[in-house]
Amino acid sequence: MIYLVRHGQTDWNLFKRFNGCTDAYLNQTGIAQAKLQAENLRSVSFDACFCSPQTRARQFCEIIYKGPIVFDDRLAEINCGEFEGTEETAEAIKLFWQAVKNGNMGTESFEAFIKRNCDLCDIIMGKYKGKNVLIVTHAANARVINYYFKGKPKNYDFGKRVVEKGELSTLEN
């Protein structure tokens, strides 16, 4: 079983800022979310744990899991380029999705982002199929990982959030 967890709240989440590569810390709500997930997952025995190397994900992971953690750059949030730190208005989000189609405005292309996340999922499936794997990452990564483990369906809506801040989703592996 894949236990897919999105890190908890940061101040940039709270103030609706694009927060790709910027290293942000969990706020008090995010820490409380991590402690809640630690309690929810305390009876699960994990065979492996993979985590984004970014601070907010690391903090969250280190609260919920006390075993060995593989910090993998492929789980880092998408590079938001010129949008980094700006307000996530409806118009800005629309422009961002247009930019990532080709990696414009300093963003990472969505195709490259999907590839790096799916490459890690291929490794997890090859080595840990049928085992309990914890993955702690970010909103955009969670969408791609969900897409991968749902069988890469056509017309998948990458704009739809699949895991809220500090929450958990389980997927068959």
C-alpha atoms as a PDB file:
ATOM      1  CA  MET A   1       0.000   0.000   0.000  1.00  0.00           C
ATOM      2  CA  ILE A   2       1.225   3.487  -0.841  1.00  0.00           C
ATOM      3  CA  TYR A   3       0.624   5.993   1.942  1.00  0.00           C
ATOM      4  CA  LEU A   4       0.776   9.331   0.157  1.00  0.00           C
ATOM      5  CA  VAL A   5       1.056  12.310   2.513  1.00  0.00           C
ATOM      6  CA  ARG A   6       1.148  15.982   1.675  1.00  0.00           C
ATOM      7  CA  HIS A   7       3.158  18.122   4.084  1.00  0.00           C
ATOM      8  CA  GLY A   8       1.265  20.350   6.508  1.00  0.00           C
ATOM      9  CA  GLN A   9       0.505  24.018   6.333  1.00  0.00           C
ATOM     10  CA  THR A  10       3.150  26.720   5.904  1.00  0.00           C
ATOM     11  CA  ASP A  11       2.603  30.451   6.105  1.00  0.00           C
ATOM     12  CA  TRP A  12       2.933  30.621   2.322  1.00  0.00           C
ATOM     13  CA  ASN A  13       0.067  28.102   2.022  1.00  0.00           C
ATOM     14  CA  LEU A  14      -1.961  30.176   4.457  1.00  0.00           C
ATOM     15  CA  PHE A  15      -1.372  33.378   2.465  1.00  0.00           C
ATOM     16  CA  LYS A  16      -1.879  31.592  -0.881  1.00  0.00           C
ATOM     17  CA  ARG A  17       1.581  32.077  -2.360  1.00  0.00           C
ATOM     18  CA  PHE A  18       3.205  29.971  -5.066  1.00  0.00           C
ATOM     19  CA  ASN A  19       5.730  27.917  -3.096  1.00  0.00           C
ATOM     20  CA  GLY A  20       7.669  25.656  -5.424  1.00  0.00           C
ATOM     21  CA  CYS A  21      11.404  25.750  -4.725  1.00  0.00           C
ATOM     22  CA  THR A  22      11.374  28.245  -1.857  1.00  0.00           C
ATOM     23  CA  ASP A  23      12.257  26.508   1.382  1.00  0.00           C
ATOM     24  CA  ALA A  24       9.478  27.230   3.866  1.00  0.00           C
ATOM     25  CA  TYR A  25       8.906  25.853   7.345  1.00  0.00           C
ATOM     26  CA  LEU A  26       5.750  24.340   8.736  1.00  0.00           C
ATOM     27  CA  ASN A  27       3.759  26.743  10.865  1.00  0.00           C
ATOM     28  CA  GLN A  28       2.067  25.700  14.121  1.00  0.00           C
ATOM     29  CA  THR A  29      -0.942  24.335  12.224  1.00  0.00           C
ATOM     30  CA  GLY A  30       1.386  22.295   9.984  1.00  0.00           C
ATOM     31  CA  ILE A  31       3.179  20.852  13.015  1.00  0.00           C
ATOM     32  CA  ALA A  32      -0.172  19.942  14.600  1.00  0.00           C
ATOM     33  CA  GLN A  33      -1.214  18.269  11.317  1.00  0.00           C
ATOM     34  CA  ALA A  34       1.999  16.217  11.395  1.00  0.00           C
ATOM     35  CA  LYS A  35       1.380  15.116  14.982  1.00  0.00           C
ATOM     36  CA  LEU A  36      -2.139  14.042  14.016  1.00  0.00           C
ATOM     37  CA  GLN A  37      -0.825  11.973  11.084  1.00  0.00           C
ATOM     38  CA  ALA A  38       1.824  10.438  13.353  1.00  0.00           C
ATOM     39  CA  GLU A  39      -0.992   9.212  15.572  1.00  0.00           C
ATOM     40  CA  ASN A  40      -3.041   7.988  12.576  1.00  0.00           C
ATOM     41  CA  LEU A  41      -0.054   6.033  11.187  1.00  0.00           C
ATOM     42  CA  ARG A  42       1.455   4.731  14.442  1.00  0.00           C
ATOM     43  CA  SER A  43       0.178   1.179  13.875  1.00  0.00           C
ATOM     44  CA  VAL A  44       1.432   0.948  10.257  1.00  0.00           C
ATOM     45  CA  SER A  45       4.717  -0.845   9.637  1.00  0.00           C
ATOM     46  CA  PHE A  46       6.491   0.713   6.663  1.00  0.00           C
ATOM     47  CA  ASP A  47       8.930  -1.106   4.399  1.00  0.00           C
ATOM     48  CA  ALA A  48      10.250   2.172   2.984  1.00  0.00           C
ATOM     49  CA  CYS A  49       9.833   5.925   3.306  1.00  0.00           C
ATOM     50  CA  PHE A  50      10.522   8.471   0.558  1.00  0.00           C
ATOM     51  CA  CYS A  51      10.387  12.201   1.150  1.00  0.00           C
ATOM     52  CA  SER A  52      10.971  15.469  -0.651  1.00  0.00           C
ATOM     53  CA  PRO A  53      14.221  17.088   0.490  1.00  0.00           C
ATOM     54  CA  GLN A  54      12.472  20.435   0.983  1.00  0.00           C
ATOM     55  CA  THR A  55      12.267  21.652   4.575  1.00  0.00           C
ATOM     56  CA  ARG A  56       8.472  21.664   4.945  1.00  0.00           C
ATOM     57  CA  ALA A  57       8.212  18.042   3.784  1.00  0.00           C
ATOM     58  CA  ARG A  58      11.265  16.922   5.808  1.00  0.00           C
ATOM     59  CA  GLN A  59       9.847  18.461   8.983  1.00  0.00           C
ATOM     60  CA  PHE A  60       6.519  16.753   8.426  1.00  0.00           C
ATOM     61  CA  CYS A  61       8.088  13.397   7.614  1.00  0.00           C
ATOM     62  CA  GLU A  62      10.428  13.437  10.598  1.00  0.00           C
ATOM     63  CA  ILE A  63       7.438  13.978  12.907  1.00  0.00           C
ATOM     64  CA  ILE A  64       5.323  11.174  11.465  1.00  0.00           C
ATOM     65  CA  TYR A  65       8.033   8.570  10.795  1.00  0.00           C
ATOM     66  CA  LYS A  66      11.002   7.575  12.946  1.00  0.00           C
ATOM     67  CA  GLY A  67      12.684   5.059  10.625  1.00  0.00           C
ATOM     68  CA  PRO A  68      15.157   5.537   7.762  1.00  0.00           C
ATOM     69  CA  ILE A  69      14.048   8.118   5.196  1.00  0.00           C
ATOM     70  CA  VAL A  70      15.159   8.399   1.574  1.00  0.00           C
ATOM     71  CA  PHE A  71      15.192  12.097   0.657  1.00  0.00           C
ATOM     72  CA  ASP A  72      14.725  12.159  -3.105  1.00  0.00           C
ATOM     73  CA  ASP A  73      14.966  15.260  -5.299  1.00  0.00           C
ATOM     74  CA  ARG A  74      12.324  13.822  -7.633  1.00  0.00           C
ATOM     75  CA  LEU A  75       9.778  14.536  -4.872  1.00  0.00           C
ATOM     76  CA  ALA A  76      10.633  18.253  -4.718  1.00  0.00           C
ATOM     77  CA  GLU A  77       7.790  20.593  -5.637  1.00  0.00           C
ATOM     78  CA  ILE A  78       7.544  21.866  -9.203  1.00  0.00           C
ATOM     79  CA  ASN A  79       9.719  24.889  -9.965  1.00  0.00           C
ATOM     80  CA  CYS A  80       7.319  27.829 -10.154  1.00  0.00           C
ATOM     81  CA  GLY A  81       9.831  30.135 -11.862  1.00  0.00           C
ATOM     82  CA  GLU A  82       8.663  33.744 -11.998  1.00  0.00           C
ATOM     83  CA  PHE A  83       5.499  32.814 -10.074  1.00  0.00           C
ATOM     84  CA  GLU A  84       7.499  31.813  -6.978  1.00  0.00           C
ATOM     85  CA  GLY A  85       6.306  33.804  -3.952  1.00  0.00           C
ATOM     86  CA  THR A  86       3.525  35.601  -5.820  1.00  0.00           C
ATOM     87  CA  GLU A  87      -0.139  35.380  -4.876  1.00  0.00           C
ATOM     88  CA  GLU A  88      -2.110  32.393  -6.210  1.00  0.00           C
ATOM     89  CA  THR A  89      -4.995  34.331  -7.776  1.00  0.00           C
ATOM     90  CA  ALA A  90      -7.276  32.620 -10.289  1.00  0.00           C
ATOM     91  CA  GLU A  91      -5.571  34.546 -13.100  1.00  0.00           C
ATOM     92  CA  ALA A  92      -2.051  33.720 -11.854  1.00  0.00           C
ATOM     93  CA  ILE A  93      -2.915  30.021 -11.572  1.00  0.00           C
ATOM     94  CA  LYS A  94      -4.233  30.065 -15.142  1.00  0.00           C
ATOM     95  CA  LEU A  95      -1.028  31.750 -16.373  1.00  0.00           C
ATOM     96  CA  PHE A  96       1.094  29.299 -14.370  1.00  0.00           C
ATOM     97  CA  TRP A  97      -0.584  26.266 -15.986  1.00  0.00           C
ATOM     98  CA  GLN A  98       0.013  27.841 -19.402  1.00  0.00           C
ATOM     99  CA  ALA A  99       3.684  28.465 -18.558  1.00  0.00           C
ATOM    100  CA  VAL A 100       4.423  24.931 -17.330  1.00  0.00           C
ATOM    101  CA  LYS A 101       3.153  23.445 -20.586  1.00  0.00           C
ATOM    102  CA  ASN A 102       6.512  24.427 -22.106  1.00  0.00           C
ATOM    103  CA  GLY A 103       8.588  25.479 -19.116  1.00  0.00           C
ATOM    104  CA  ASN A 104       8.112  29.177 -19.883  1.00  0.00           C
ATOM    105  CA  MET A 105       8.713  32.028 -17.411  1.00  0.00           C
ATOM    106  CA  GLY A 106      11.398  30.032 -15.624  1.00  0.00           C
ATOM    107  CA  THR A 107       9.050  27.209 -14.658  1.00  0.00           C
ATOM    108  CA  GLU A 108       9.782  23.517 -14.885  1.00  0.00           C
ATOM    109  CA  SER A 109       7.885  21.949 -17.761  1.00  0.00           C
ATOM    110  CA  PHE A 110       5.014  19.823 -16.569  1.00  0.00           C
ATOM    111  CA  GLU A 111       6.195  17.010 -18.846  1.00  0.00           C
ATOM    112  CA  ALA A 112       9.588  16.922 -17.069  1.00  0.00           C
ATOM    113  CA  PHE A 113       7.859  17.163 -13.692  1.00  0.00           C
ATOM    114  CA  ILE A 114       5.587  14.200 -14.493  1.00  0.00           C
ATOM    115  CA  LYS A 115       8.555  12.202 -15.762  1.00  0.00           C
ATOM    116  CA  ARG A 116      10.698  12.671 -12.653  1.00  0.00           C
ATOM    117  CA  ASN A 117       7.830  11.708 -10.340  1.00  0.00           C
ATOM    118  CA  CYS A 118       6.830   8.704 -12.462  1.00  0.00           C
ATOM    119  CA  ASP A 119      10.476   7.568 -12.641  1.00  0.00           C
ATOM    120  CA  LEU A 120      10.521   7.372  -8.840  1.00  0.00           C
ATOM    121  CA  CYS A 121       7.173   5.549  -8.847  1.00  0.00           C
ATOM    122  CA  ASP A 122       8.654   3.005 -11.294  1.00  0.00           C
ATOM    123  CA  ILE A 123      11.466   2.347  -8.804  1.00  0.00           C
ATOM    124  CA  ILE A 124       9.022   2.018  -5.930  1.00  0.00           C
ATOM    125  CA  MET A 125       6.879  -0.428  -7.907  1.00  0.00           C
ATOM    126  CA  GLY A 126       9.928  -2.443  -8.923  1.00  0.00           C
ATOM    127  CA  LYS A 127      11.325  -2.754  -5.427  1.00  0.00           C
ATOM    128  CA  TYR A 128       8.316  -2.404  -3.102  1.00  0.00           C
ATOM    129  CA  LYS A 129       5.298  -3.768  -4.971  1.00  0.00           C
ATOM    130  CA  GLY A 130       2.732  -4.973  -2.441  1.00  0.00           C
ATOM    131  CA  LYS A 131       4.655  -3.461   0.478  1.00  0.00           C
ATOM    132  CA  ASN A 132       3.858  -0.480   2.700  1.00  0.00           C
ATOM    133  CA  VAL A 133       5.574   2.643   1.403  1.00  0.00           C
ATOM    134  CA  LEU A 134       5.269   6.112   2.908  1.00  0.00           C
ATOM    135  CA  ILE A 135       5.702   9.053   0.513  1.00  0.00           C
ATOM    136  CA  VAL A 136       5.784  12.582   1.928  1.00  0.00           C
ATOM    137  CA  THR A 137       5.658  15.304  -0.685  1.00  0.00           C
ATOM    138  CA  HIS A 138       3.808  18.340  -2.076  1.00  0.00           C
ATOM    139  CA  ALA A 139       0.463  19.063  -3.758  1.00  0.00           C
ATOM    140  CA  ALA A 140       1.587  18.872  -7.400  1.00  0.00           C
ATOM    141  CA  ASN A 141       3.668  15.737  -6.781  1.00  0.00           C
ATOM    142  CA  ALA A 142       0.706  14.096  -5.059  1.00  0.00           C
ATOM    143  CA  ARG A 143      -1.360  14.651  -8.206  1.00  0.00           C
ATOM    144  CA  VAL A 144       1.252  12.930 -10.382  1.00  0.00           C
ATOM    145  CA  ILE A 145       1.749  10.041  -7.932  1.00  0.00           C
ATOM    146  CA  ASN A 146      -2.028   9.575  -7.738  1.00  0.00           C
ATOM    147  CA  TYR A 147      -2.132   9.607 -11.557  1.00  0.00           C
ATOM    148  CA  TYR A 148       0.602   6.957 -11.705  1.00  0.00           C
ATOM    149  CA  PHE A 149      -0.991   4.555  -9.223  1.00  0.00           C
ATOM    150  CA  LYS A 150      -4.477   5.025 -10.721  1.00  0.00           C
ATOM    151  CA  GLY A 151      -3.116   3.614 -13.995  1.00  0.00           C
ATOM    152  CA  LYS A 152      -2.283   6.887 -15.834  1.00  0.00           C
ATOM    153  CA  PRO A 153      -5.886   7.451 -16.974  1.00  0.00           C
ATOM    154  CA  LYS A 154      -6.576   9.520 -20.071  1.00  0.00           C
ATOM    155  CA  ASN A 155      -7.974  12.998 -19.435  1.00  0.00           C
ATOM    156  CA  TYR A 156      -6.648  12.979 -15.854  1.00  0.00           C
ATOM    157  CA  ASP A 157      -7.340  16.331 -14.179  1.00  0.00           C
ATOM    158  CA  PHE A 158      -3.981  17.553 -12.855  1.00  0.00           C
ATOM    159  CA  GLY A 159      -5.695  20.719 -11.648  1.00  0.00           C
ATOM    160  CA  LYS A 160      -7.701  18.804  -9.048  1.00  0.00           C
ATOM    161  CA  ARG A 161      -6.144  18.517  -5.583  1.00  0.00           C
ATOM    162  CA  VAL A 162      -5.929  14.875  -4.413  1.00  0.00           C
ATOM    163  CA  VAL A 163      -4.464  15.371  -0.915  1.00  0.00           C
ATOM    164  CA  GLU A 164      -5.067  18.395   1.304  1.00  0.00           C
ATOM    165  CA  LYS A 165      -2.350  19.938   3.500  1.00  0.00           C
ATOM    166  CA  GLY A 166      -1.314  17.462   6.180  1.00  0.00           C
ATOM    167  CA  GLU A 167      -3.596  14.723   4.886  1.00  0.00           C
ATOM    168  CA  LEU A 168      -3.122  11.162   3.710  1.00  0.00           C
ATOM    169  CA  SER A 169      -4.316   9.169   0.733  1.00  0.00           C
ATOM    170  CA  THR A 170      -3.768   5.456   0.218  1.00  0.00           C
ATOM    171  CA  LEU A 171      -3.137   3.835  -3.149  1.00  0.00           C
ATOM    172  CA  GLU A 172      -2.736   0.204  -4.171  1.00  0.00           C
ATOM    173  CA  ASN A 173       0.703  -0.731  -5.381  1.00  0.00           C
END
